[in-house]
Amino acid sequence: MIRAITLHFWLAYDHPFPDGNGRTARVLFYWAMLRQDYWLFSFVSISTVLHQAPAQYARGFMATETDDNDLTYFVLAQLKVIRQAMDRLESTIHRKNQEIKSFGAQLADLDLFNHRQLALLLHGMKHPGFRYSIRSHRTSHRVSCHTARTDLLTLTGHGLLEHRKWGRQFLFLAPPDLKQRLRQLQGESPESGPLKPAVAQ
C-alpha cells in the first residue's frame, strides 16, 4: 500500500502530462494495489473522497513538498483517505444488504414464490447477469428435474428471468433490472391476486 501511495505521489509530483496527471496517478495507485492482489480496491473509490475534500489532499501534498519531499505527510493523508473510502464501501454494502433482506421479507410476505425461488431471486439481485440452469438449480436445492424446471419457468413467466439458449442447453439469466421488475410485480399482485405458475413448455 505504501508503494502504491508512493507511485501516486511520484506521478502527480513529476507532472509529465499537460492534463490528467491526477487521474493517471490514481490509476497507477489502483494498478499497484490490484497487482498485489488487493482485489477489494476494484470497489474502493478514493477519487470520491478526494473530490469531496480537495484541501486535505493539497495539504498532504504541499507538506511533503515543503519538507524536503518527506513522504510521511502524503502517506498519512492518503491512508486517511483510504480508510474513509473503505468505510464508505462498508456502509454501502451494509445498506444494500439491509435493502435486499427487507425486500426479500416483503416478497416472502406476498406468498408468490417458494423458498427456492426466493433464494434465487435474492441471489440474482446481487449478481445481475448470472446464468442459472435446470441442472444447477436442481443440484443446489436437491430437487427433481421437473421441480427445478417448474421453478425456473414460473419465474420466467413472471418476467423475472430471461430464457436463453446457450449451446445445447437452456439457461435462465437474472436481468440487470430485476429489482425494478420485482417492485412492479409487488405493486401489481394485491390487485391482480395470486399469480399462477407458468406452464412448463
N, C-alpha and C. Protein backbone atom coordinates (compact mmCIF):
# COMPACT_ATOMS: atom_id res chain seq x y z
N MET A 1 0.82 -1.20 0.00
CA MET A 1 0.00 0.00 0.00
C MET A 1 0.86 1.26 0.00
N ILE A 2 1.95 1.24 0.78
CA ILE A 2 2.88 2.38 0.80
C ILE A 2 3.50 2.58 -0.57
N ARG A 3 3.82 1.47 -1.23
CA ARG A 3 4.40 1.56 -2.57
C ARG A 3 3.39 2.19 -3.54
N ALA A 4 2.14 1.78 -3.44
CA ALA A 4 1.10 2.32 -4.33
C ALA A 4 0.91 3.82 -4.09
N ILE A 5 0.92 4.22 -2.82
CA ILE A 5 0.80 5.64 -2.49
C ILE A 5 2.00 6.42 -3.01
N THR A 6 3.18 5.82 -2.92
CA THR A 6 4.40 6.47 -3.41
C THR A 6 4.33 6.68 -4.93
N LEU A 7 3.84 5.67 -5.65
CA LEU A 7 3.67 5.81 -7.10
C LEU A 7 2.68 6.92 -7.43
N HIS A 8 1.62 7.00 -6.64
CA HIS A 8 0.62 8.06 -6.81
C HIS A 8 1.29 9.42 -6.68
N PHE A 9 2.07 9.59 -5.62
CA PHE A 9 2.73 10.88 -5.39
C PHE A 9 3.75 11.18 -6.49
N TRP A 10 4.52 10.17 -6.84
CA TRP A 10 5.60 10.38 -7.82
C TRP A 10 5.06 10.92 -9.13
N LEU A 11 3.99 10.30 -9.64
CA LEU A 11 3.49 10.75 -10.94
C LEU A 11 2.86 12.14 -10.83
N ALA A 12 2.10 12.38 -9.75
CA ALA A 12 1.48 13.69 -9.57
C ALA A 12 2.55 14.77 -9.38
N TYR A 13 3.63 14.43 -8.69
CA TYR A 13 4.72 15.39 -8.45
C TYR A 13 5.50 15.66 -9.73
N ASP A 14 5.79 14.59 -10.46
CA ASP A 14 6.55 14.72 -11.71
C ASP A 14 5.75 15.46 -12.77
N HIS A 15 4.43 15.28 -12.76
CA HIS A 15 3.51 16.01 -13.64
C HIS A 15 3.94 15.94 -15.11
N PRO A 16 4.02 14.72 -15.68
CA PRO A 16 4.58 14.59 -17.04
C PRO A 16 3.61 14.99 -18.16
N PHE A 17 2.32 15.11 -17.86
CA PHE A 17 1.34 15.35 -18.93
C PHE A 17 0.73 16.75 -18.80
N PRO A 18 0.31 17.32 -19.91
CA PRO A 18 -0.34 18.64 -19.86
C PRO A 18 -1.64 18.60 -19.06
N ASP A 19 -2.33 17.44 -19.08
CA ASP A 19 -3.60 17.32 -18.36
C ASP A 19 -3.79 15.87 -17.93
N GLY A 20 -4.60 15.67 -16.90
CA GLY A 20 -4.95 14.31 -16.47
C GLY A 20 -3.93 13.66 -15.56
N ASN A 21 -2.99 14.42 -14.99
CA ASN A 21 -1.98 13.81 -14.12
C ASN A 21 -2.58 13.21 -12.85
N GLY A 22 -3.56 13.90 -12.27
CA GLY A 22 -4.19 13.39 -11.06
C GLY A 22 -4.92 12.08 -11.32
N ARG A 23 -5.69 12.03 -12.42
CA ARG A 23 -6.41 10.80 -12.77
C ARG A 23 -5.44 9.66 -13.04
N THR A 24 -4.36 9.97 -13.77
CA THR A 24 -3.37 8.94 -14.09
C THR A 24 -2.68 8.44 -12.83
N ALA A 25 -2.41 9.35 -11.89
CA ALA A 25 -1.77 8.97 -10.62
C ALA A 25 -2.67 8.01 -9.84
N ARG A 26 -3.98 8.29 -9.86
CA ARG A 26 -4.91 7.40 -9.14
C ARG A 26 -5.01 6.04 -9.83
N VAL A 27 -4.99 6.05 -11.17
CA VAL A 27 -5.00 4.78 -11.91
C VAL A 27 -3.76 3.96 -11.57
N LEU A 28 -2.62 4.63 -11.47
CA LEU A 28 -1.37 3.95 -11.11
C LEU A 28 -1.46 3.37 -9.70
N PHE A 29 -2.09 4.11 -8.79
CA PHE A 29 -2.31 3.61 -7.43
C PHE A 29 -3.14 2.33 -7.46
N TYR A 30 -4.27 2.36 -8.20
CA TYR A 30 -5.13 1.18 -8.28
C TYR A 30 -4.40 0.00 -8.93
N TRP A 31 -3.65 0.31 -9.97
CA TRP A 31 -2.90 -0.75 -10.66
C TRP A 31 -1.94 -1.44 -9.68
N ALA A 32 -1.22 -0.64 -8.89
CA ALA A 32 -0.26 -1.21 -7.96
C ALA A 32 -0.95 -2.05 -6.88
N MET A 33 -2.11 -1.59 -6.42
CA MET A 33 -2.84 -2.33 -5.39
C MET A 33 -3.38 -3.65 -5.95
N LEU A 34 -3.98 -3.60 -7.12
CA LEU A 34 -4.55 -4.81 -7.71
C LEU A 34 -3.46 -5.80 -8.09
N ARG A 35 -2.31 -5.28 -8.50
CA ARG A 35 -1.20 -6.16 -8.87
C ARG A 35 -0.70 -6.97 -7.67
N GLN A 36 -0.91 -6.44 -6.48
CA GLN A 36 -0.51 -7.15 -5.26
C GLN A 36 -1.71 -7.88 -4.62
N ASP A 37 -2.74 -8.12 -5.44
CA ASP A 37 -3.91 -8.91 -5.04
C ASP A 37 -4.78 -8.25 -3.98
N TYR A 38 -4.74 -6.91 -3.91
CA TYR A 38 -5.72 -6.20 -3.08
C TYR A 38 -6.98 -6.02 -3.92
N TRP A 39 -7.67 -7.14 -4.18
CA TRP A 39 -8.79 -7.15 -5.12
C TRP A 39 -9.94 -6.24 -4.68
N LEU A 40 -10.05 -6.00 -3.37
CA LEU A 40 -11.15 -5.17 -2.87
C LEU A 40 -11.09 -3.76 -3.46
N PHE A 41 -9.90 -3.33 -3.89
CA PHE A 41 -9.77 -1.97 -4.42
C PHE A 41 -10.38 -1.81 -5.81
N SER A 42 -10.92 -2.89 -6.34
CA SER A 42 -11.75 -2.76 -7.54
C SER A 42 -13.05 -2.04 -7.20
N PHE A 43 -13.39 -2.01 -5.89
CA PHE A 43 -14.65 -1.43 -5.45
C PHE A 43 -14.47 -0.21 -4.54
N VAL A 44 -13.23 0.06 -4.14
CA VAL A 44 -12.96 1.20 -3.24
C VAL A 44 -12.66 2.43 -4.09
N SER A 45 -13.37 3.52 -3.84
CA SER A 45 -13.18 4.74 -4.62
C SER A 45 -12.52 5.83 -3.79
N ILE A 46 -11.21 5.99 -3.97
CA ILE A 46 -10.53 7.10 -3.28
C ILE A 46 -10.83 8.42 -3.98
N SER A 47 -11.17 8.35 -5.28
CA SER A 47 -11.46 9.56 -6.03
C SER A 47 -12.64 10.32 -5.43
N THR A 48 -13.66 9.59 -4.99
CA THR A 48 -14.84 10.24 -4.40
C THR A 48 -14.45 11.03 -3.17
N VAL A 49 -13.63 10.42 -2.31
CA VAL A 49 -13.20 11.09 -1.08
C VAL A 49 -12.33 12.29 -1.41
N LEU A 50 -11.41 12.15 -2.36
CA LEU A 50 -10.52 13.24 -2.73
C LEU A 50 -11.29 14.42 -3.32
N HIS A 51 -12.31 14.12 -4.11
CA HIS A 51 -13.10 15.20 -4.71
C HIS A 51 -13.94 15.93 -3.67
N GLN A 52 -14.30 15.22 -2.60
CA GLN A 52 -15.11 15.85 -1.56
C GLN A 52 -14.25 16.67 -0.60
N ALA A 53 -12.96 16.34 -0.51
CA ALA A 53 -12.08 17.08 0.40
C ALA A 53 -10.76 17.40 -0.31
N PRO A 54 -10.79 18.25 -1.35
CA PRO A 54 -9.57 18.54 -2.12
C PRO A 54 -8.50 19.25 -1.28
N ALA A 55 -8.93 20.03 -0.29
CA ALA A 55 -7.96 20.77 0.54
C ALA A 55 -7.09 19.81 1.34
N GLN A 56 -7.69 18.72 1.80
CA GLN A 56 -6.94 17.73 2.57
C GLN A 56 -5.85 17.09 1.71
N TYR A 57 -6.18 16.79 0.47
CA TYR A 57 -5.21 16.22 -0.46
C TYR A 57 -4.09 17.23 -0.73
N ALA A 58 -4.46 18.48 -0.96
CA ALA A 58 -3.48 19.52 -1.26
C ALA A 58 -2.53 19.75 -0.09
N ARG A 59 -3.09 19.71 1.13
CA ARG A 59 -2.23 19.93 2.32
C ARG A 59 -1.19 18.84 2.46
N GLY A 60 -1.60 17.58 2.25
CA GLY A 60 -0.65 16.47 2.33
C GLY A 60 0.44 16.60 1.28
N PHE A 61 0.05 17.02 0.10
CA PHE A 61 1.00 17.19 -1.00
C PHE A 61 1.97 18.33 -0.71
N MET A 62 1.42 19.46 -0.27
CA MET A 62 2.24 20.64 0.00
C MET A 62 3.20 20.41 1.16
N ALA A 63 2.73 19.74 2.20
CA ALA A 63 3.58 19.48 3.37
C ALA A 63 4.78 18.62 2.97
N THR A 64 4.56 17.65 2.09
CA THR A 64 5.66 16.80 1.62
C THR A 64 6.65 17.62 0.79
N GLU A 65 6.14 18.43 -0.11
CA GLU A 65 7.00 19.23 -0.98
C GLU A 65 7.83 20.24 -0.20
N THR A 66 7.24 20.83 0.83
CA THR A 66 7.95 21.89 1.58
C THR A 66 8.85 21.35 2.67
N ASP A 67 8.87 20.05 2.90
CA ASP A 67 9.74 19.46 3.92
C ASP A 67 10.68 18.45 3.27
N ASP A 68 11.40 18.94 2.25
CA ASP A 68 12.41 18.13 1.59
C ASP A 68 11.86 16.80 1.06
N ASN A 69 10.60 16.86 0.55
CA ASN A 69 9.93 15.68 -0.01
C ASN A 69 9.85 14.51 0.97
N ASP A 70 9.63 14.84 2.25
CA ASP A 70 9.37 13.80 3.24
C ASP A 70 7.97 13.25 2.97
N LEU A 71 7.92 12.03 2.50
CA LEU A 71 6.65 11.45 2.02
C LEU A 71 5.68 11.12 3.16
N THR A 72 6.14 11.21 4.40
CA THR A 72 5.30 10.84 5.54
C THR A 72 3.96 11.58 5.52
N TYR A 73 4.00 12.87 5.21
CA TYR A 73 2.77 13.67 5.22
C TYR A 73 1.75 13.13 4.22
N PHE A 74 2.25 12.88 3.02
CA PHE A 74 1.34 12.43 1.96
C PHE A 74 0.82 11.02 2.25
N VAL A 75 1.70 10.16 2.76
CA VAL A 75 1.30 8.79 3.09
C VAL A 75 0.20 8.80 4.15
N LEU A 76 0.39 9.58 5.22
CA LEU A 76 -0.62 9.65 6.28
C LEU A 76 -1.94 10.20 5.76
N ALA A 77 -1.85 11.22 4.91
CA ALA A 77 -3.07 11.81 4.35
C ALA A 77 -3.80 10.79 3.48
N GLN A 78 -3.05 10.03 2.66
CA GLN A 78 -3.68 9.06 1.77
C GLN A 78 -4.22 7.85 2.53
N LEU A 79 -3.55 7.46 3.60
CA LEU A 79 -4.07 6.37 4.43
C LEU A 79 -5.42 6.76 5.04
N LYS A 80 -5.52 8.02 5.43
CA LYS A 80 -6.80 8.53 5.94
C LYS A 80 -7.87 8.48 4.86
N VAL A 81 -7.50 8.87 3.64
CA VAL A 81 -8.43 8.82 2.52
C VAL A 81 -8.88 7.38 2.25
N ILE A 82 -7.92 6.45 2.27
CA ILE A 82 -8.24 5.04 2.03
C ILE A 82 -9.19 4.51 3.09
N ARG A 83 -8.93 4.87 4.35
CA ARG A 83 -9.82 4.43 5.43
C ARG A 83 -11.23 4.98 5.22
N GLN A 84 -11.34 6.25 4.84
CA GLN A 84 -12.65 6.85 4.61
C GLN A 84 -13.37 6.16 3.44
N ALA A 85 -12.60 5.85 2.39
CA ALA A 85 -13.19 5.18 1.22
C ALA A 85 -13.67 3.78 1.58
N MET A 86 -12.90 3.07 2.40
CA MET A 86 -13.30 1.72 2.81
C MET A 86 -14.51 1.76 3.74
N ASP A 87 -14.56 2.78 4.60
CA ASP A 87 -15.73 2.94 5.47
C ASP A 87 -16.98 3.19 4.63
N ARG A 88 -16.82 4.01 3.58
CA ARG A 88 -17.96 4.29 2.69
C ARG A 88 -18.42 3.01 1.99
N LEU A 89 -17.46 2.20 1.54
CA LEU A 89 -17.80 0.94 0.88
C LEU A 89 -18.53 0.01 1.84
N GLU A 90 -18.00 -0.10 3.07
CA GLU A 90 -18.63 -0.96 4.07
C GLU A 90 -20.06 -0.49 4.37
N SER A 91 -20.23 0.82 4.47
CA SER A 91 -21.56 1.37 4.73
C SER A 91 -22.51 1.07 3.58
N THR A 92 -21.99 1.20 2.35
CA THR A 92 -22.82 0.92 1.17
C THR A 92 -23.23 -0.54 1.12
N ILE A 93 -22.28 -1.44 1.39
CA ILE A 93 -22.57 -2.88 1.38
C ILE A 93 -23.62 -3.21 2.45
N HIS A 94 -23.45 -2.63 3.64
CA HIS A 94 -24.39 -2.88 4.73
C HIS A 94 -25.79 -2.40 4.34
N ARG A 95 -25.86 -1.19 3.75
CA ARG A 95 -27.16 -0.64 3.37
C ARG A 95 -27.82 -1.49 2.29
N LYS A 96 -27.02 -1.92 1.30
CA LYS A 96 -27.57 -2.74 0.22
C LYS A 96 -28.06 -4.09 0.76
N ASN A 97 -27.29 -4.68 1.67
CA ASN A 97 -27.71 -5.95 2.26
C ASN A 97 -29.01 -5.81 3.04
N GLN A 98 -29.13 -4.70 3.78
CA GLN A 98 -30.36 -4.46 4.53
C GLN A 98 -31.54 -4.27 3.58
N GLU A 99 -31.31 -3.56 2.47
CA GLU A 99 -32.37 -3.35 1.49
C GLU A 99 -32.82 -4.68 0.89
N ILE A 100 -31.83 -5.53 0.56
CA ILE A 100 -32.16 -6.82 -0.05
C ILE A 100 -32.90 -7.72 0.95
N LYS A 101 -32.46 -7.71 2.22
CA LYS A 101 -33.13 -8.52 3.24
C LYS A 101 -34.56 -8.04 3.43
N SER A 102 -34.72 -6.73 3.50
CA SER A 102 -36.05 -6.15 3.69
C SER A 102 -36.95 -6.48 2.50
N PHE A 103 -36.36 -6.37 1.31
CA PHE A 103 -37.13 -6.65 0.09
C PHE A 103 -37.48 -8.14 0.04
N GLY A 104 -36.54 -8.99 0.45
CA GLY A 104 -36.80 -10.43 0.47
C GLY A 104 -37.93 -10.77 1.42
N ALA A 105 -37.96 -10.09 2.58
CA ALA A 105 -39.04 -10.32 3.55
C ALA A 105 -40.38 -9.90 2.97
N GLN A 106 -40.40 -8.78 2.23
CA GLN A 106 -41.64 -8.31 1.61
C GLN A 106 -42.12 -9.30 0.55
N LEU A 107 -41.18 -9.85 -0.22
CA LEU A 107 -41.55 -10.84 -1.24
C LEU A 107 -42.10 -12.11 -0.60
N ALA A 108 -41.46 -12.52 0.51
CA ALA A 108 -41.93 -13.71 1.22
C ALA A 108 -43.35 -13.50 1.73
N ASP A 109 -43.64 -12.28 2.19
CA ASP A 109 -44.99 -11.97 2.70
C ASP A 109 -46.04 -12.06 1.60
N LEU A 110 -45.64 -11.82 0.35
CA LEU A 110 -46.60 -11.89 -0.76
C LEU A 110 -47.05 -13.33 -1.03
N ASP A 111 -46.22 -14.28 -0.60
CA ASP A 111 -46.55 -15.70 -0.76
C ASP A 111 -46.73 -16.09 -2.23
N LEU A 112 -45.90 -15.50 -3.09
CA LEU A 112 -45.96 -15.81 -4.52
C LEU A 112 -44.97 -16.90 -4.92
N PHE A 113 -43.87 -17.01 -4.18
CA PHE A 113 -42.79 -17.92 -4.57
C PHE A 113 -42.40 -18.84 -3.42
N ASN A 114 -41.86 -19.99 -3.78
CA ASN A 114 -41.36 -20.90 -2.76
C ASN A 114 -39.97 -20.47 -2.31
N HIS A 115 -39.45 -21.15 -1.29
CA HIS A 115 -38.17 -20.72 -0.70
C HIS A 115 -37.01 -20.84 -1.70
N ARG A 116 -37.09 -21.79 -2.63
CA ARG A 116 -36.02 -21.95 -3.62
C ARG A 116 -36.02 -20.77 -4.59
N GLN A 117 -37.20 -20.37 -5.02
CA GLN A 117 -37.32 -19.24 -5.94
C GLN A 117 -36.91 -17.94 -5.26
N LEU A 118 -37.26 -17.77 -4.00
CA LEU A 118 -36.85 -16.57 -3.26
C LEU A 118 -35.33 -16.50 -3.15
N ALA A 119 -34.71 -17.64 -2.85
CA ALA A 119 -33.24 -17.67 -2.74
C ALA A 119 -32.60 -17.29 -4.07
N LEU A 120 -33.16 -17.80 -5.17
CA LEU A 120 -32.61 -17.47 -6.49
C LEU A 120 -32.80 -15.99 -6.82
N LEU A 121 -33.96 -15.43 -6.49
CA LEU A 121 -34.22 -14.01 -6.77
C LEU A 121 -33.28 -13.11 -5.98
N LEU A 122 -33.05 -13.43 -4.71
CA LEU A 122 -32.14 -12.63 -3.90
C LEU A 122 -30.72 -12.73 -4.43
N HIS A 123 -30.33 -13.92 -4.88
CA HIS A 123 -29.01 -14.11 -5.48
C HIS A 123 -28.90 -13.33 -6.78
N GLY A 124 -29.98 -13.35 -7.58
CA GLY A 124 -29.98 -12.64 -8.85
C GLY A 124 -29.88 -11.14 -8.69
N MET A 125 -30.47 -10.60 -7.60
CA MET A 125 -30.35 -9.15 -7.37
C MET A 125 -28.92 -8.77 -7.04
N LYS A 126 -28.20 -9.65 -6.36
CA LYS A 126 -26.81 -9.38 -6.02
C LYS A 126 -25.88 -9.63 -7.19
N HIS A 127 -26.29 -10.48 -8.13
CA HIS A 127 -25.42 -10.87 -9.25
C HIS A 127 -26.17 -10.74 -10.58
N PRO A 128 -26.40 -9.49 -11.03
CA PRO A 128 -27.09 -9.29 -12.32
C PRO A 128 -26.34 -9.99 -13.45
N GLY A 129 -27.10 -10.62 -14.35
CA GLY A 129 -26.49 -11.32 -15.48
C GLY A 129 -26.09 -12.75 -15.17
N PHE A 130 -26.27 -13.18 -13.92
CA PHE A 130 -25.90 -14.55 -13.55
C PHE A 130 -26.76 -15.54 -14.32
N ARG A 131 -26.14 -16.65 -14.75
CA ARG A 131 -26.86 -17.66 -15.53
C ARG A 131 -27.19 -18.87 -14.66
N TYR A 132 -28.45 -19.25 -14.70
CA TYR A 132 -28.91 -20.42 -13.96
C TYR A 132 -29.37 -21.48 -14.97
N SER A 133 -29.19 -22.73 -14.60
CA SER A 133 -29.67 -23.82 -15.45
C SER A 133 -30.56 -24.72 -14.61
N ILE A 134 -31.34 -25.56 -15.27
CA ILE A 134 -32.18 -26.51 -14.55
C ILE A 134 -31.31 -27.43 -13.71
N ARG A 135 -30.19 -27.81 -14.27
CA ARG A 135 -29.29 -28.71 -13.55
C ARG A 135 -28.71 -28.04 -12.31
N SER A 136 -28.25 -26.78 -12.45
CA SER A 136 -27.64 -26.10 -11.30
C SER A 136 -28.68 -25.85 -10.20
N HIS A 137 -29.91 -25.49 -10.61
CA HIS A 137 -30.97 -25.25 -9.63
C HIS A 137 -31.35 -26.57 -8.94
N ARG A 138 -31.39 -27.62 -9.72
CA ARG A 138 -31.72 -28.94 -9.17
C ARG A 138 -30.66 -29.38 -8.16
N THR A 139 -29.39 -29.18 -8.51
CA THR A 139 -28.30 -29.58 -7.62
C THR A 139 -28.27 -28.74 -6.35
N SER A 140 -28.48 -27.42 -6.49
CA SER A 140 -28.40 -26.52 -5.33
C SER A 140 -29.46 -26.85 -4.29
N HIS A 141 -30.64 -27.25 -4.75
CA HIS A 141 -31.75 -27.45 -3.81
C HIS A 141 -32.17 -28.90 -3.66
N ARG A 142 -31.45 -29.80 -4.35
CA ARG A 142 -31.71 -31.24 -4.23
C ARG A 142 -33.18 -31.57 -4.52
N VAL A 143 -33.62 -31.13 -5.67
CA VAL A 143 -34.98 -31.40 -6.10
C VAL A 143 -34.95 -32.14 -7.42
N SER A 144 -36.10 -32.59 -7.86
CA SER A 144 -36.18 -33.31 -9.13
C SER A 144 -36.02 -32.35 -10.30
N CYS A 145 -35.75 -32.92 -11.45
CA CYS A 145 -35.61 -32.11 -12.67
C CYS A 145 -36.91 -31.37 -12.98
N HIS A 146 -38.03 -32.03 -12.78
CA HIS A 146 -39.34 -31.41 -13.04
C HIS A 146 -39.56 -30.21 -12.11
N THR A 147 -39.23 -30.37 -10.83
CA THR A 147 -39.41 -29.28 -9.86
C THR A 147 -38.51 -28.10 -10.20
N ALA A 148 -37.25 -28.39 -10.56
CA ALA A 148 -36.32 -27.32 -10.91
C ALA A 148 -36.80 -26.58 -12.15
N ARG A 149 -37.27 -27.33 -13.15
CA ARG A 149 -37.77 -26.71 -14.39
C ARG A 149 -38.99 -25.83 -14.10
N THR A 150 -39.89 -26.33 -13.27
CA THR A 150 -41.09 -25.56 -12.92
C THR A 150 -40.74 -24.28 -12.18
N ASP A 151 -39.79 -24.36 -11.24
CA ASP A 151 -39.34 -23.17 -10.51
C ASP A 151 -38.85 -22.09 -11.47
N LEU A 152 -37.98 -22.49 -12.40
CA LEU A 152 -37.36 -21.52 -13.30
C LEU A 152 -38.35 -20.98 -14.34
N LEU A 153 -39.19 -21.86 -14.86
CA LEU A 153 -40.16 -21.41 -15.85
C LEU A 153 -41.23 -20.51 -15.23
N THR A 154 -41.55 -20.76 -13.96
CA THR A 154 -42.50 -19.89 -13.27
C THR A 154 -41.94 -18.48 -13.14
N LEU A 155 -40.67 -18.38 -12.74
CA LEU A 155 -40.03 -17.07 -12.63
C LEU A 155 -39.92 -16.40 -14.00
N THR A 156 -39.65 -17.20 -15.03
CA THR A 156 -39.58 -16.65 -16.39
C THR A 156 -40.95 -16.14 -16.82
N GLY A 157 -41.99 -16.89 -16.48
CA GLY A 157 -43.34 -16.49 -16.82
C GLY A 157 -43.76 -15.18 -16.18
N HIS A 158 -43.19 -14.88 -15.01
CA HIS A 158 -43.47 -13.62 -14.33
C HIS A 158 -42.56 -12.49 -14.83
N GLY A 159 -41.68 -12.82 -15.78
CA GLY A 159 -40.78 -11.80 -16.32
C GLY A 159 -39.59 -11.50 -15.43
N LEU A 160 -39.27 -12.41 -14.50
CA LEU A 160 -38.19 -12.16 -13.55
C LEU A 160 -36.88 -12.81 -13.97
N LEU A 161 -36.93 -13.72 -14.93
CA LEU A 161 -35.73 -14.32 -15.51
C LEU A 161 -35.88 -14.26 -17.03
N GLU A 162 -34.74 -14.23 -17.71
CA GLU A 162 -34.75 -14.24 -19.17
C GLU A 162 -34.27 -15.60 -19.66
N HIS A 163 -35.04 -16.19 -20.58
CA HIS A 163 -34.80 -17.55 -21.08
C HIS A 163 -33.94 -17.47 -22.34
N ARG A 164 -32.77 -18.09 -22.31
CA ARG A 164 -31.87 -18.06 -23.48
C ARG A 164 -31.34 -19.47 -23.77
N LYS A 165 -31.08 -19.72 -25.03
CA LYS A 165 -30.44 -20.99 -25.41
C LYS A 165 -28.94 -20.76 -25.49
N TRP A 166 -28.18 -21.60 -24.80
CA TRP A 166 -26.73 -21.49 -24.76
C TRP A 166 -26.15 -22.82 -25.19
N GLY A 167 -25.72 -22.90 -26.46
CA GLY A 167 -25.25 -24.18 -26.97
C GLY A 167 -26.42 -25.15 -27.09
N ARG A 168 -26.33 -26.26 -26.37
CA ARG A 168 -27.37 -27.28 -26.43
C ARG A 168 -28.31 -27.24 -25.23
N GLN A 169 -28.09 -26.27 -24.32
CA GLN A 169 -28.96 -26.21 -23.15
C GLN A 169 -29.61 -24.84 -23.02
N PHE A 170 -30.69 -24.79 -22.25
CA PHE A 170 -31.38 -23.54 -21.99
C PHE A 170 -30.90 -22.99 -20.65
N LEU A 171 -30.63 -21.69 -20.65
CA LEU A 171 -30.20 -21.02 -19.44
C LEU A 171 -31.20 -19.92 -19.08
N PHE A 172 -31.18 -19.55 -17.82
CA PHE A 172 -32.07 -18.52 -17.31
C PHE A 172 -31.22 -17.42 -16.70
N LEU A 173 -31.33 -16.21 -17.23
CA LEU A 173 -30.47 -15.10 -16.82
C LEU A 173 -31.20 -14.15 -15.88
N ALA A 174 -30.47 -13.68 -14.87
CA ALA A 174 -31.00 -12.64 -13.98
C ALA A 174 -30.84 -11.30 -14.68
N PRO A 175 -31.93 -10.60 -15.00
CA PRO A 175 -31.81 -9.33 -15.73
C PRO A 175 -31.22 -8.24 -14.85
N PRO A 176 -30.58 -7.25 -15.43
CA PRO A 176 -29.97 -6.17 -14.63
C PRO A 176 -30.99 -5.34 -13.87
N ASP A 177 -32.24 -5.32 -14.35
CA ASP A 177 -33.27 -4.53 -13.67
C ASP A 177 -34.22 -5.43 -12.86
N LEU A 178 -33.68 -6.53 -12.34
CA LEU A 178 -34.51 -7.49 -11.61
C LEU A 178 -35.24 -6.84 -10.44
N LYS A 179 -34.56 -5.98 -9.72
CA LYS A 179 -35.18 -5.35 -8.55
C LYS A 179 -36.40 -4.52 -8.97
N GLN A 180 -36.27 -3.77 -10.08
CA GLN A 180 -37.38 -2.97 -10.57
C GLN A 180 -38.55 -3.85 -11.01
N ARG A 181 -38.23 -4.98 -11.63
CA ARG A 181 -39.28 -5.90 -12.07
C ARG A 181 -40.02 -6.48 -10.86
N LEU A 182 -39.26 -6.77 -9.81
CA LEU A 182 -39.87 -7.29 -8.59
C LEU A 182 -40.77 -6.26 -7.94
N ARG A 183 -40.30 -5.00 -7.93
CA ARG A 183 -41.13 -3.93 -7.35
C ARG A 183 -42.43 -3.77 -8.14
N GLN A 184 -42.33 -3.87 -9.46
CA GLN A 184 -43.52 -3.77 -10.29
C GLN A 184 -44.48 -4.92 -9.99
N LEU A 185 -43.93 -6.12 -9.88
CA LEU A 185 -44.74 -7.30 -9.56
C LEU A 185 -45.37 -7.15 -8.18
N GLN A 186 -44.60 -6.61 -7.24
CA GLN A 186 -45.08 -6.41 -5.89
C GLN A 186 -46.25 -5.43 -5.86
N GLY A 187 -46.16 -4.40 -6.71
CA GLY A 187 -47.23 -3.42 -6.77
C GLY A 187 -48.47 -3.94 -7.45
N GLU A 188 -48.33 -4.89 -8.38
CA GLU A 188 -49.47 -5.41 -9.12
C GLU A 188 -50.19 -6.53 -8.40
N SER A 189 -49.47 -7.29 -7.58
CA SER A 189 -50.04 -8.52 -7.02
C SER A 189 -51.27 -8.33 -6.14
N PRO A 190 -51.37 -7.28 -5.28
CA PRO A 190 -52.57 -7.16 -4.45
C PRO A 190 -53.84 -6.98 -5.27
N GLU A 191 -53.72 -6.32 -6.43
CA GLU A 191 -54.90 -6.05 -7.25
C GLU A 191 -55.26 -7.26 -8.12
N SER A 192 -54.24 -7.92 -8.63
CA SER A 192 -54.49 -8.99 -9.59
C SER A 192 -54.68 -10.34 -8.92
N GLY A 193 -54.38 -10.41 -7.61
CA GLY A 193 -54.50 -11.67 -6.90
C GLY A 193 -53.26 -12.52 -7.11
N PRO A 194 -53.22 -13.73 -6.53
CA PRO A 194 -52.05 -14.59 -6.66
C PRO A 194 -51.75 -14.90 -8.12
N LEU A 195 -50.48 -14.83 -8.46
CA LEU A 195 -50.08 -15.12 -9.84
C LEU A 195 -49.94 -16.61 -10.02
N LYS A 196 -50.41 -17.11 -11.15
CA LYS A 196 -50.37 -18.53 -11.42
C LYS A 196 -49.01 -18.90 -12.02
N PRO A 197 -48.49 -20.09 -11.66
CA PRO A 197 -47.23 -20.53 -12.24
C PRO A 197 -47.34 -20.67 -13.75
N ALA A 198 -46.21 -20.40 -14.42
CA ALA A 198 -46.21 -20.60 -15.87
C ALA A 198 -46.24 -22.08 -16.19
N VAL A 199 -46.85 -22.42 -17.29
CA VAL A 199 -46.93 -23.82 -17.70
C VAL A 199 -45.60 -24.24 -18.30
N ALA A 200 -45.03 -25.33 -17.84
CA ALA A 200 -43.76 -25.81 -18.38
C ALA A 200 -43.93 -26.21 -19.83
N GLN A 201 -42.99 -25.70 -20.64
CA GLN A 201 -43.05 -25.99 -22.08
C GLN A 201 -42.38 -27.34 -22.35
